[in-house]
Amino acid sequence: MLADGGEAIRDLAVLRDQRDVFGSVASTPTAWRVLAGIDTAALNALRAAP
């Protein structure tokens, strides 16, 4: 989503409308669950990634 210029979870809908280009895209509820599951340790690991 970020590579396509998206800035918010609602922007996933744009990717879903282009299935031929992007393939299957997570539903909005799935995206929220993933974000809700990121704890402090995971967030720090993401920030430290090159």
PDB file of N, CA and C in Angstrom:
ATOM      1  N   MET A   1       0.820  -1.178   0.000  1.00  0.00           N
ATOM      2  CA  MET A   1       0.000   0.000   0.000  1.00  0.00           C
ATOM      3  C   MET A   1       0.867   1.245   0.000  1.00  0.00           C
ATOM      4  N   LEU A   2       1.901   1.250   0.809  1.00  0.00           N
ATOM      5  CA  LEU A   2       2.767   2.422   0.865  1.00  0.00           C
ATOM      6  C   LEU A   2       3.463   2.669  -0.466  1.00  0.00           C
ATOM      7  N   ALA A   3       3.828   1.594  -1.150  1.00  0.00           N
ATOM      8  CA  ALA A   3       4.497   1.730  -2.440  1.00  0.00           C
ATOM      9  C   ALA A   3       3.578   2.360  -3.488  1.00  0.00           C
ATOM     10  N   ASP A   4       2.267   2.242  -3.287  1.00  0.00           N
ATOM     11  CA  ASP A   4       1.298   2.811  -4.226  1.00  0.00           C
ATOM     12  C   ASP A   4       0.830   4.190  -3.773  1.00  0.00           C
ATOM     13  N   GLY A   5       1.439   4.728  -2.721  1.00  0.00           N
ATOM     14  CA  GLY A   5       1.089   6.071  -2.262  1.00  0.00           C
ATOM     15  C   GLY A   5       0.058   6.115  -1.152  1.00  0.00           C
ATOM     16  N   GLY A   6      -0.328   4.965  -0.622  1.00  0.00           N
ATOM     17  CA  GLY A   6      -1.316   4.940   0.451  1.00  0.00           C
ATOM     18  C   GLY A   6      -0.742   5.480   1.755  1.00  0.00           C
ATOM     19  N   GLU A   7      -1.603   6.128   2.515  1.00  0.00           N
ATOM     20  CA  GLU A   7      -1.174   6.702   3.794  1.00  0.00           C
ATOM     21  C   GLU A   7      -2.002   6.212   4.973  1.00  0.00           C
ATOM     22  N   ALA A   8      -3.107   5.543   4.709  1.00  0.00           N
ATOM     23  CA  ALA A   8      -3.989   5.092   5.777  1.00  0.00           C
ATOM     24  C   ALA A   8      -4.573   3.727   5.407  1.00  0.00           C
ATOM     25  N   ILE A   9      -5.075   3.016   6.391  1.00  0.00           N
ATOM     26  CA  ILE A   9      -5.622   1.690   6.141  1.00  0.00           C
ATOM     27  C   ILE A   9      -6.759   1.747   5.123  1.00  0.00           C
ATOM     28  N   ARG A  10      -7.517   2.811   5.125  1.00  0.00           N
ATOM     29  CA  ARG A  10      -8.621   2.905   4.159  1.00  0.00           C
ATOM     30  C   ARG A  10      -8.118   2.869   2.716  1.00  0.00           C
ATOM     31  N   ASP A  11      -6.836   3.168   2.510  1.00  0.00           N
ATOM     32  CA  ASP A  11      -6.261   3.145   1.165  1.00  0.00           C
ATOM     33  C   ASP A  11      -6.080   1.725   0.627  1.00  0.00           C
ATOM     34  N   LEU A  12      -6.245   0.712   1.464  1.00  0.00           N
ATOM     35  CA  LEU A  12      -6.192  -0.670   0.991  1.00  0.00           C
ATOM     36  C   LEU A  12      -7.285  -0.936  -0.043  1.00  0.00           C
ATOM     37  N   ALA A  13      -8.398  -0.224   0.052  1.00  0.00           N
ATOM     38  CA  ALA A  13      -9.497  -0.414  -0.896  1.00  0.00           C
ATOM     39  C   ALA A  13      -9.041  -0.134  -2.320  1.00  0.00           C
ATOM     40  N   VAL A  14      -8.157   0.820  -2.497  1.00  0.00           N
ATOM     41  CA  VAL A  14      -7.643   1.144  -3.831  1.00  0.00           C
ATOM     42  C   VAL A  14      -6.893  -0.059  -4.400  1.00  0.00           C
ATOM     43  N   LEU A  15      -6.109  -0.715  -3.563  1.00  0.00           N
ATOM     44  CA  LEU A  15      -5.366  -1.888  -4.018  1.00  0.00           C
ATOM     45  C   LEU A  15      -6.309  -3.050  -4.328  1.00  0.00           C
ATOM     46  N   ARG A  16      -7.351  -3.205  -3.513  1.00  0.00           N
ATOM     47  CA  ARG A  16      -8.312  -4.288  -3.750  1.00  0.00           C
ATOM     48  C   ARG A  16      -9.016  -4.115  -5.086  1.00  0.00           C
ATOM     49  N   ASP A  17      -9.198  -2.880  -5.516  1.00  0.00           N
ATOM     50  CA  ASP A  17      -9.864  -2.608  -6.790  1.00  0.00           C
ATOM     51  C   ASP A  17      -8.956  -2.879  -7.981  1.00  0.00           C
ATOM     52  N   GLN A  18      -7.686  -3.199  -7.745  1.00  0.00           N
ATOM     53  CA  GLN A  18      -6.725  -3.474  -8.811  1.00  0.00           C
ATOM     54  C   GLN A  18      -6.127  -4.872  -8.628  1.00  0.00           C
ATOM     55  N   ARG A  19      -6.990  -5.849  -8.445  1.00  0.00           N
ATOM     56  CA  ARG A  19      -6.558  -7.216  -8.146  1.00  0.00           C
ATOM     57  C   ARG A  19      -5.609  -7.770  -9.207  1.00  0.00           C
ATOM     58  N   ASP A  20      -5.824  -7.418 -10.480  1.00  0.00           N
ATOM     59  CA  ASP A  20      -4.946  -7.914 -11.547  1.00  0.00           C
ATOM     60  C   ASP A  20      -3.511  -7.425 -11.363  1.00  0.00           C
ATOM     61  N   VAL A  21      -3.348  -6.277 -10.752  1.00  0.00           N
ATOM     62  CA  VAL A  21      -2.016  -5.704 -10.538  1.00  0.00           C
ATOM     63  C   VAL A  21      -1.404  -6.186  -9.231  1.00  0.00           C
ATOM     64  N   PHE A  22      -2.182  -6.144  -8.137  1.00  0.00           N
ATOM     65  CA  PHE A  22      -1.643  -6.401  -6.807  1.00  0.00           C
ATOM     66  C   PHE A  22      -1.968  -7.777  -6.242  1.00  0.00           C
ATOM     67  N   GLY A  23      -2.857  -8.525  -6.876  1.00  0.00           N
ATOM     68  CA  GLY A  23      -3.249  -9.819  -6.337  1.00  0.00           C
ATOM     69  C   GLY A  23      -4.151  -9.639  -5.126  1.00  0.00           C
ATOM     70  N   SER A  24      -4.191 -10.642  -4.268  1.00  0.00           N
ATOM     71  CA  SER A  24      -5.038 -10.575  -3.075  1.00  0.00           C
ATOM     72  C   SER A  24      -4.494  -9.545  -2.093  1.00  0.00           C
ATOM     73  N   VAL A  25      -5.388  -8.764  -1.549  1.00  0.00           N
ATOM     74  CA  VAL A  25      -5.027  -7.724  -0.584  1.00  0.00           C
ATOM     75  C   VAL A  25      -5.806  -7.987   0.699  1.00  0.00           C
ATOM     76  N   ALA A  26      -5.147  -7.814   1.821  1.00  0.00           N
ATOM     77  CA  ALA A  26      -5.794  -8.052   3.116  1.00  0.00           C
ATOM     78  C   ALA A  26      -7.022  -7.171   3.290  1.00  0.00           C
ATOM     79  N   SER A  27      -8.010  -7.711   3.981  1.00  0.00           N
ATOM     80  CA  SER A  27      -9.195  -6.912   4.295  1.00  0.00           C
ATOM     81  C   SER A  27      -8.816  -5.849   5.321  1.00  0.00           C
ATOM     82  N   THR A  28      -9.648  -4.848   5.413  1.00  0.00           N
ATOM     83  CA  THR A  28      -9.395  -3.782   6.390  1.00  0.00           C
ATOM     84  C   THR A  28      -9.369  -4.336   7.814  1.00  0.00           C
ATOM     85  N   PRO A  29     -10.323  -5.218   8.209  1.00  0.00           N
ATOM     86  CA  PRO A  29     -10.250  -5.778   9.565  1.00  0.00           C
ATOM     87  C   PRO A  29      -8.958  -6.566   9.812  1.00  0.00           C
ATOM     88  N   THR A  30      -8.480  -7.297   8.803  1.00  0.00           N
ATOM     89  CA  THR A  30      -7.231  -8.043   8.961  1.00  0.00           C
ATOM     90  C   THR A  30      -6.070  -7.092   9.172  1.00  0.00           C
ATOM     91  N   ALA A  31      -6.025  -6.021   8.414  1.00  0.00           N
ATOM     92  CA  ALA A  31      -4.955  -5.033   8.574  1.00  0.00           C
ATOM     93  C   ALA A  31      -4.977  -4.433   9.979  1.00  0.00           C
ATOM     94  N   TRP A  32      -6.170  -4.126  10.485  1.00  0.00           N
ATOM     95  CA  TRP A  32      -6.277  -3.579  11.838  1.00  0.00           C
ATOM     96  C   TRP A  32      -5.789  -4.580  12.883  1.00  0.00           C
ATOM     97  N   ARG A  33      -6.125  -5.862  12.704  1.00  0.00           N
ATOM     98  CA  ARG A  33      -5.674  -6.884  13.662  1.00  0.00           C
ATOM     99  C   ARG A  33      -4.151  -6.996  13.655  1.00  0.00           C
ATOM    100  N   VAL A  34      -3.556  -6.922  12.482  1.00  0.00           N
ATOM    101  CA  VAL A  34      -2.094  -6.989  12.406  1.00  0.00           C
ATOM    102  C   VAL A  34      -1.483  -5.805  13.154  1.00  0.00           C
ATOM    103  N   LEU A  35      -1.990  -4.619  12.902  1.00  0.00           N
ATOM    104  CA  LEU A  35      -1.447  -3.434  13.578  1.00  0.00           C
ATOM    105  C   LEU A  35      -1.674  -3.492  15.083  1.00  0.00           C
ATOM    106  N   ALA A  36      -2.832  -3.973  15.500  1.00  0.00           N
ATOM    107  CA  ALA A  36      -3.133  -4.076  16.936  1.00  0.00           C
ATOM    108  C   ALA A  36      -2.229  -5.084  17.623  1.00  0.00           C
ATOM    109  N   GLY A  37      -1.739  -6.070  16.876  1.00  0.00           N
ATOM    110  CA  GLY A  37      -0.891  -7.106  17.451  1.00  0.00           C
ATOM    111  C   GLY A  37       0.573  -6.738  17.556  1.00  0.00           C
ATOM    112  N   ILE A  38       0.944  -5.557  17.077  1.00  0.00           N
ATOM    113  CA  ILE A  38       2.345  -5.149  17.155  1.00  0.00           C
ATOM    114  C   ILE A  38       2.616  -4.601  18.548  1.00  0.00           C
ATOM    115  N   ASP A  39       3.422  -5.320  19.305  1.00  0.00           N
ATOM    116  CA  ASP A  39       3.765  -4.864  20.644  1.00  0.00           C
ATOM    117  C   ASP A  39       5.033  -4.007  20.595  1.00  0.00           C
ATOM    118  N   THR A  40       5.469  -3.537  21.738  1.00  0.00           N
ATOM    119  CA  THR A  40       6.633  -2.647  21.807  1.00  0.00           C
ATOM    120  C   THR A  40       7.885  -3.297  21.234  1.00  0.00           C
ATOM    121  N   ALA A  41       8.094  -4.561  21.543  1.00  0.00           N
ATOM    122  CA  ALA A  41       9.291  -5.254  21.026  1.00  0.00           C
ATOM    123  C   ALA A  41       9.255  -5.338  19.497  1.00  0.00           C
ATOM    124  N   ALA A  42       8.094  -5.670  18.939  1.00  0.00           N
ATOM    125  CA  ALA A  42       7.970  -5.761  17.471  1.00  0.00           C
ATOM    126  C   ALA A  42       8.135  -4.390  16.833  1.00  0.00           C
ATOM    127  N   LEU A  43       7.570  -3.373  17.450  1.00  0.00           N
ATOM    128  CA  LEU A  43       7.696  -2.016  16.918  1.00  0.00           C
ATOM    129  C   LEU A  43       9.158  -1.560  16.923  1.00  0.00           C
ATOM    130  N   ASN A  44       9.863  -1.850  17.995  1.00  0.00           N
ATOM    131  CA  ASN A  44      11.283  -1.492  18.052  1.00  0.00           C
ATOM    132  C   ASN A  44      12.088  -2.244  17.003  1.00  0.00           C
ATOM    133  N   ALA A  45      11.743  -3.510  16.759  1.00  0.00           N
ATOM    134  CA  ALA A  45      12.444  -4.289  15.731  1.00  0.00           C
ATOM    135  C   ALA A  45      12.170  -3.714  14.353  1.00  0.00           C
ATOM    136  N   LEU A  46      10.933  -3.288  14.101  1.00  0.00           N
ATOM    137  CA  LEU A  46      10.617  -2.666  12.811  1.00  0.00           C
ATOM    138  C   LEU A  46      11.374  -1.367  12.618  1.00  0.00           C
ATOM    139  N   ARG A  47      11.457  -0.582  13.666  1.00  0.00           N
ATOM    140  CA  ARG A  47      12.187   0.691  13.574  1.00  0.00           C
ATOM    141  C   ARG A  47      13.675   0.491  13.359  1.00  0.00           C
ATOM    142  N   ALA A  48      14.220  -0.605  13.892  1.00  0.00           N
ATOM    143  CA  ALA A  48      15.662  -0.867  13.784  1.00  0.00           C
ATOM    144  C   ALA A  48      16.035  -1.550  12.471  1.00  0.00           C
ATOM    145  N   ALA A  49      15.042  -2.023  11.731  1.00  0.00           N
ATOM    146  CA  ALA A  49      15.339  -2.742  10.476  1.00  0.00           C
ATOM    147  C   ALA A  49      15.981  -1.802   9.460  1.00  0.00           C
ATOM    148  N   PRO A  50      16.950  -2.331   8.716  1.00  0.00           N
ATOM    149  CA  PRO A  50      17.622  -1.479   7.711  1.00  0.00           C
ATOM    150  C   PRO A  50      16.736  -1.130   6.548  1.00  0.00           C
TER     151      PRO A  50
END
